[in-house]
Amino acid sequence: MINRILLRIKVIQIIFAYFKSDEKGCEVAERELFHSVEKSYDLYFYLLLLAVEITHYAQNKIETGLNKFRPTEEELHPNTRFADNQFIAQLEQNETFIKHIRQKNLSWVENRQVVKALFDTITSTSYYAEYMSAQKADYEADKDVWKKIFKYTVLTNEFLEMTLEEQDIYWSAEMDFVISFIIKTIKRFSLSDKNNVLLMPMYNHDDDKDFARQLLHNTIIHVKENQALIDEFTKNWELDRIAYMDVVVMLVALAEINDFPSIPINVTLNEYIEIAKQYSTEKSGTFVNGVLDKIVAHLRQEGKLVKVS
């Protein structure tokens, strides 16, 4: 699930904190990096669990209505389509899902207000009304409504965003990424698979963890020489005008350019320019692009760059 785009971002975040902290050492930084990766993977399961909890809320609401002393006609004859969603019933019994939730002790018990608020928002949408009133109820419709819930309601809910940020400072920033993989997960589900649908693994590829570790270590090991290159090609800039995050982005980018010959330069440059745009200032993309272009040209001229074009 966690691909190299997010791994680059996480290395930058860890390096940023590393140079701001008094506690130094590659081992400490590495522990922080992989703890952060695990937390992102937890968010994937935590949001899947949220879908289950919202469904439980709908089921309890129906049960409460039926048990009233004087239920309304609607409460006596509720539309149970959402509460009986087949995809959620299947997810709830998924072996990988159950195991991870139990191991990490993930729960929404302390945030029941978020569950209620999201249910209320969901039930006010046009896609929910269309789903509930459709003449035909089937498994694909059950999956489709949850894809819409995650894309249009969960992703944009400010209350949820604040709640997640309180638990992990990076979670709210990773919502878009994680939800894209939740939607891919929903698409993978099939009614015939019963309880054994494979959820996303922690890493996209077997060597991605090694990539992240090597990128982190090489950034720290070669910081002085790469900082010197950055200083040389920004000497016409006043230091207080250069965003610290821009420097960190370039340090990590240079570690990748120099130490991963199999990754094309244009791929590396494009990735870090986009990260600078997203995580630094409005002009950071252009600035980082310009500086890195000059450094790459210099390294080539000096014969110090053995790299795929």
Protein backbone atom coordinates (compact mmCIF):
# COMPACT_ATOMS: atom_id res chain seq x y z
CA MET A 1 0.00 0.00 0.00
CA ILE A 2 2.64 2.49 1.06
CA ASN A 3 4.48 3.37 -2.13
CA ARG A 4 7.68 5.28 -2.79
CA ILE A 5 5.88 8.61 -3.12
CA LEU A 6 4.75 8.45 0.49
CA LEU A 7 8.06 6.96 1.62
CA ARG A 8 9.91 9.97 0.19
CA ILE A 9 7.56 12.29 2.05
CA LYS A 10 8.09 10.37 5.27
CA VAL A 11 11.88 10.46 4.91
CA ILE A 12 11.66 14.24 4.42
CA GLN A 13 9.48 14.59 7.52
CA ILE A 14 11.89 12.52 9.60
CA ILE A 15 14.96 14.39 8.28
CA PHE A 16 13.24 17.72 9.00
CA ALA A 17 12.65 16.65 12.63
CA TYR A 18 16.11 15.05 12.85
CA PHE A 19 17.98 18.28 12.15
CA LYS A 20 15.71 20.23 14.51
CA SER A 21 16.24 17.73 17.33
CA ASP A 22 19.11 17.45 19.80
CA GLU A 23 18.91 13.65 19.66
CA LYS A 24 20.99 12.44 16.72
CA GLY A 25 21.73 9.04 15.25
CA CYS A 26 20.64 7.03 12.22
CA GLU A 27 19.14 4.32 14.43
CA VAL A 28 16.82 6.77 16.19
CA ALA A 29 15.76 8.32 12.89
CA GLU A 30 15.17 4.89 11.36
CA ARG A 31 12.94 3.84 14.27
CA GLU A 32 10.91 7.02 13.84
CA LEU A 33 10.62 6.45 10.09
CA PHE A 34 9.24 2.94 10.33
CA HIS A 35 6.99 3.85 13.25
CA SER A 36 5.52 6.54 10.97
CA VAL A 37 5.03 3.97 8.18
CA GLU A 38 3.23 1.63 10.58
CA LYS A 39 0.98 4.47 11.72
CA SER A 40 -0.04 5.17 8.11
CA TYR A 41 -0.90 1.52 7.69
CA ASP A 42 -2.93 1.70 10.91
CA LEU A 43 -4.88 4.62 9.43
CA TYR A 44 -5.90 2.38 6.52
CA PHE A 45 -7.44 -0.12 8.95
CA TYR A 46 -8.79 2.60 11.24
CA LEU A 47 -10.81 4.13 8.40
CA LEU A 48 -12.04 0.71 7.29
CA LEU A 49 -13.14 0.16 10.87
CA LEU A 50 -14.93 3.51 10.73
CA ALA A 51 -17.12 2.13 7.91
CA VAL A 52 -18.02 -0.83 10.10
CA GLU A 53 -18.82 1.45 13.06
CA ILE A 54 -21.04 3.72 10.96
CA THR A 55 -22.95 0.63 9.82
CA HIS A 56 -23.30 -0.53 13.43
CA TYR A 57 -24.67 2.89 14.29
CA ALA A 58 -27.30 2.52 11.55
CA GLN A 59 -28.21 -0.95 12.83
CA ASN A 60 -28.54 0.28 16.42
CA LYS A 61 -30.65 3.22 15.28
CA ILE A 62 -33.10 0.83 13.57
CA GLU A 63 -33.18 -1.43 16.64
CA THR A 64 -33.86 1.54 18.92
CA GLY A 65 -36.73 2.67 16.72
CA LEU A 66 -38.33 -0.78 16.71
CA ASN A 67 -38.12 -0.96 20.51
CA LYS A 68 -39.80 2.37 21.15
CA PHE A 69 -43.04 2.33 23.13
CA ARG A 70 -44.77 4.17 20.30
CA PRO A 71 -42.69 3.77 17.14
CA THR A 72 -43.57 5.72 14.03
CA GLU A 73 -44.65 3.99 10.85
CA GLU A 74 -41.18 4.53 9.43
CA GLU A 75 -39.59 3.03 12.55
CA LEU A 76 -41.91 0.02 12.36
CA HIS A 77 -40.98 -0.59 8.72
CA PRO A 78 -37.40 0.68 8.33
CA ASN A 79 -35.38 0.60 5.15
CA THR A 80 -32.50 -1.67 6.19
CA ARG A 81 -30.51 -1.54 2.95
CA PHE A 82 -27.67 0.53 4.40
CA ALA A 83 -27.61 -1.40 7.68
CA ASP A 84 -27.54 -4.71 5.79
CA ASN A 85 -24.76 -3.66 3.40
CA GLN A 86 -23.14 -6.88 2.14
CA PHE A 87 -19.71 -5.36 1.61
CA ILE A 88 -19.52 -4.18 5.22
CA ALA A 89 -20.73 -7.56 6.48
CA GLN A 90 -17.94 -9.20 4.46
CA LEU A 91 -15.30 -6.72 5.62
CA GLU A 92 -16.29 -7.22 9.23
CA GLN A 93 -15.51 -10.94 8.92
CA ASN A 94 -12.28 -10.48 6.97
CA GLU A 95 -9.50 -12.38 8.71
CA THR A 96 -6.72 -9.86 7.97
CA PHE A 97 -8.95 -6.99 9.09
CA ILE A 98 -9.92 -8.68 12.37
CA LYS A 99 -6.31 -9.62 13.15
CA HIS A 100 -4.90 -6.12 12.60
CA ILE A 101 -7.68 -4.37 14.53
CA ARG A 102 -7.11 -6.68 17.50
CA GLN A 103 -3.32 -6.49 17.39
CA LYS A 104 -3.29 -2.69 17.29
CA ASN A 105 -6.32 -2.31 19.57
CA LEU A 106 -7.95 0.13 17.14
CA SER A 107 -11.31 1.48 18.26
CA TRP A 108 -13.76 4.34 17.73
CA VAL A 109 -15.24 4.01 21.24
CA GLU A 110 -13.74 7.33 22.34
CA ASN A 111 -14.96 9.08 19.19
CA ARG A 112 -18.58 8.02 18.92
CA GLN A 113 -19.54 11.62 18.10
CA VAL A 114 -17.53 11.38 14.88
CA VAL A 115 -19.39 8.21 13.90
CA LYS A 116 -22.76 9.89 14.51
CA ALA A 117 -21.77 13.08 12.68
CA LEU A 118 -20.62 11.12 9.63
CA PHE A 119 -23.77 9.00 9.60
CA ASP A 120 -25.91 12.15 9.71
CA THR A 121 -23.91 13.67 6.84
CA ILE A 122 -24.08 10.48 4.77
CA THR A 123 -27.86 10.17 5.16
CA SER A 124 -28.34 13.73 3.92
CA THR A 125 -26.57 13.15 0.59
CA SER A 126 -28.18 12.58 -2.78
CA TYR A 127 -26.10 9.45 -3.43
CA TYR A 128 -27.43 7.90 -0.20
CA ALA A 129 -31.02 8.72 -1.16
CA GLU A 130 -30.49 7.18 -4.58
CA TYR A 131 -28.96 4.05 -3.05
CA MET A 132 -31.77 3.61 -0.53
CA SER A 133 -34.56 4.13 -3.08
CA ALA A 134 -33.14 1.96 -5.88
CA GLN A 135 -35.47 -0.85 -6.94
CA LYS A 136 -32.62 -3.36 -7.15
CA ALA A 137 -30.31 -4.03 -4.21
CA ASP A 138 -27.12 -5.90 -5.07
CA TYR A 139 -23.56 -6.40 -3.93
CA GLU A 140 -22.05 -3.97 -6.48
CA ALA A 141 -24.39 -1.21 -5.31
CA ASP A 142 -23.35 -1.96 -1.72
CA LYS A 143 -19.70 -1.50 -2.71
CA ASP A 144 -20.38 1.57 -4.83
CA VAL A 145 -22.11 3.49 -2.05
CA TRP A 146 -19.10 3.03 0.21
CA LYS A 147 -16.72 4.19 -2.49
CA LYS A 148 -18.80 7.37 -2.69
CA ILE A 149 -18.93 7.72 1.09
CA PHE A 150 -15.14 7.62 1.37
CA LYS A 151 -14.57 9.87 -1.64
CA TYR A 152 -17.22 12.53 -1.04
CA THR A 153 -17.93 12.46 2.70
CA VAL A 154 -15.15 10.88 4.75
CA LEU A 155 -12.36 12.64 2.84
CA THR A 156 -13.93 16.09 3.20
CA ASN A 157 -15.22 15.93 6.79
CA GLU A 158 -13.48 18.56 8.92
CA PHE A 159 -14.60 17.03 12.23
CA LEU A 160 -12.98 13.74 11.27
CA GLU A 161 -9.86 15.54 10.06
CA MET A 162 -9.44 17.31 13.41
CA THR A 163 -10.04 14.07 15.31
CA LEU A 164 -7.38 12.24 13.31
CA GLU A 165 -4.91 15.09 13.70
CA GLU A 166 -5.26 14.85 17.47
CA GLN A 167 -4.18 11.22 17.32
CA ASP A 168 -1.33 11.63 14.81
CA ILE A 169 -0.07 14.90 13.35
CA TYR A 170 0.41 13.35 9.91
CA TRP A 171 -2.85 11.42 9.63
CA SER A 172 -5.00 14.25 8.31
CA ALA A 173 -2.41 15.04 5.62
CA GLU A 174 -2.41 11.39 4.53
CA MET A 175 -6.19 11.03 4.25
CA ASP A 176 -6.29 11.52 0.48
CA PHE A 177 -3.59 8.92 -0.08
CA VAL A 178 -5.04 6.33 2.32
CA ILE A 179 -8.60 6.73 1.06
CA SER A 180 -7.44 6.17 -2.52
CA PHE A 181 -6.20 2.76 -1.40
CA ILE A 182 -9.38 2.06 0.54
CA ILE A 183 -11.34 2.64 -2.66
CA LYS A 184 -8.99 0.27 -4.50
CA THR A 185 -9.57 -2.24 -1.71
CA ILE A 186 -13.35 -2.00 -2.06
CA LYS A 187 -13.01 -2.65 -5.80
CA ARG A 188 -11.03 -5.84 -5.04
CA PHE A 189 -13.82 -7.32 -2.96
CA SER A 190 -15.93 -10.03 -4.52
CA LEU A 191 -18.93 -11.81 -3.05
CA SER A 192 -17.41 -15.17 -3.96
CA ASP A 193 -14.26 -14.47 -1.92
CA LYS A 194 -16.14 -14.73 1.39
CA ASN A 195 -13.82 -13.76 4.29
CA ASN A 196 -10.45 -14.07 2.59
CA VAL A 197 -10.20 -10.99 0.35
CA LEU A 198 -6.59 -9.80 0.49
CA LEU A 199 -6.32 -6.35 1.99
CA MET A 200 -3.46 -4.08 0.98
CA PRO A 201 0.01 -5.08 2.28
CA MET A 202 2.03 -2.49 4.19
CA TYR A 203 4.48 -1.97 1.30
CA ASN A 204 3.77 -1.96 -2.43
CA HIS A 205 6.95 -3.91 -3.21
CA ASP A 206 9.33 -6.06 -1.19
CA ASP A 207 12.27 -3.70 -1.69
CA ASP A 208 10.43 -0.50 -0.72
CA LYS A 209 11.39 -0.80 2.96
CA ASP A 210 15.07 -1.07 1.98
CA PHE A 211 14.65 1.93 -0.33
CA ALA A 212 13.32 4.04 2.55
CA ARG A 213 16.05 2.91 4.95
CA GLN A 214 18.84 3.56 2.45
CA LEU A 215 17.43 6.96 1.46
CA LEU A 216 17.24 8.03 5.11
CA HIS A 217 20.76 6.83 5.98
CA ASN A 218 22.35 8.29 2.84
CA THR A 219 20.74 11.67 3.45
CA ILE A 220 22.23 11.79 6.95
CA ILE A 221 25.63 10.38 5.95
CA HIS A 222 26.12 12.77 3.01
CA VAL A 223 24.49 15.85 4.54
CA LYS A 224 27.67 17.97 4.68
CA GLU A 225 28.70 17.47 1.06
CA ASN A 226 25.14 17.90 -0.24
CA GLN A 227 24.59 20.95 1.97
CA ALA A 228 27.78 22.42 0.47
CA LEU A 229 26.38 21.90 -3.04
CA ILE A 230 23.11 23.59 -2.09
CA ASP A 231 25.01 26.50 -0.51
CA GLU A 232 27.13 26.90 -3.65
CA PHE A 233 24.14 27.10 -5.97
CA THR A 234 22.05 29.34 -3.71
CA LYS A 235 24.83 31.79 -2.81
CA ASN A 236 22.96 34.65 -4.50
CA TRP A 237 19.99 34.06 -2.20
CA GLU A 238 19.69 35.50 1.29
CA LEU A 239 19.57 32.58 3.74
CA ASP A 240 16.48 33.86 5.54
CA ARG A 241 14.60 33.84 2.22
CA ILE A 242 15.15 30.11 1.68
CA ALA A 243 12.52 27.94 3.38
CA TYR A 244 14.09 25.32 5.64
CA MET A 245 11.77 22.69 4.17
CA ASP A 246 13.17 23.49 0.70
CA VAL A 247 16.68 22.69 1.95
CA VAL A 248 15.51 19.40 3.49
CA VAL A 249 13.69 18.42 0.27
CA MET A 250 16.86 19.09 -1.74
CA LEU A 251 19.06 17.16 0.70
CA VAL A 252 16.88 14.07 0.35
CA ALA A 253 16.58 14.55 -3.42
CA LEU A 254 20.37 14.72 -3.77
CA ALA A 255 20.78 11.55 -1.70
CA GLU A 256 18.43 9.79 -4.12
CA ILE A 257 20.10 11.25 -7.22
CA ASN A 258 23.55 10.16 -6.07
CA ASP A 259 22.80 6.81 -4.45
CA PHE A 260 20.05 5.24 -6.56
CA PRO A 261 21.45 4.95 -10.10
CA SER A 262 18.53 2.84 -11.30
CA ILE A 263 16.01 5.66 -10.70
CA PRO A 264 15.97 8.11 -13.64
CA ILE A 265 16.90 11.68 -12.76
CA ASN A 266 13.72 13.13 -14.23
CA VAL A 267 11.65 10.81 -11.99
CA THR A 268 13.53 11.94 -8.88
CA LEU A 269 13.31 15.61 -9.81
CA ASN A 270 9.60 15.48 -10.58
CA GLU A 271 8.82 13.70 -7.30
CA TYR A 272 10.67 16.19 -5.11
CA ILE A 273 9.42 19.23 -6.99
CA GLU A 274 5.85 18.06 -6.33
CA ILE A 275 6.64 17.43 -2.67
CA ALA A 276 8.10 20.93 -2.36
CA LYS A 277 4.95 22.41 -3.88
CA GLN A 278 2.76 20.48 -1.47
CA TYR A 279 4.72 20.79 1.76
CA SER A 280 6.64 24.05 1.49
CA THR A 281 5.88 27.49 0.04
CA GLU A 282 4.01 28.58 -3.09
CA LYS A 283 7.25 29.26 -4.96
CA SER A 284 9.17 26.23 -3.63
CA GLY A 285 8.54 24.02 -6.65
CA THR A 286 10.20 26.47 -9.03
CA PHE A 287 13.02 27.22 -6.60
CA VAL A 288 13.85 23.57 -5.87
CA ASN A 289 13.64 22.72 -9.57
CA GLY A 290 16.07 25.48 -10.50
CA VAL A 291 18.64 24.65 -7.83
CA LEU A 292 18.57 20.88 -8.42
CA ASP A 293 18.86 21.37 -12.19
CA LYS A 294 22.06 23.38 -11.68
CA ILE A 295 23.50 20.85 -9.23
CA VAL A 296 22.75 17.92 -11.57
CA ALA A 297 24.42 19.78 -14.48
CA HIS A 298 27.45 20.47 -12.26
CA LEU A 299 27.73 16.84 -11.10
CA ARG A 300 27.57 15.62 -14.70
CA GLN A 301 30.22 18.08 -15.79
CA GLU A 302 32.47 16.91 -12.94
CA GLY A 303 31.87 13.26 -13.89
CA LYS A 304 30.50 12.53 -10.42
CA LEU A 305 27.07 11.37 -11.52
CA VAL A 306 26.60 7.80 -12.64
CA LYS A 307 22.94 7.87 -13.41
CA VAL A 308 20.23 6.70 -15.76
CA SER A 309 19.05 9.59 -17.95
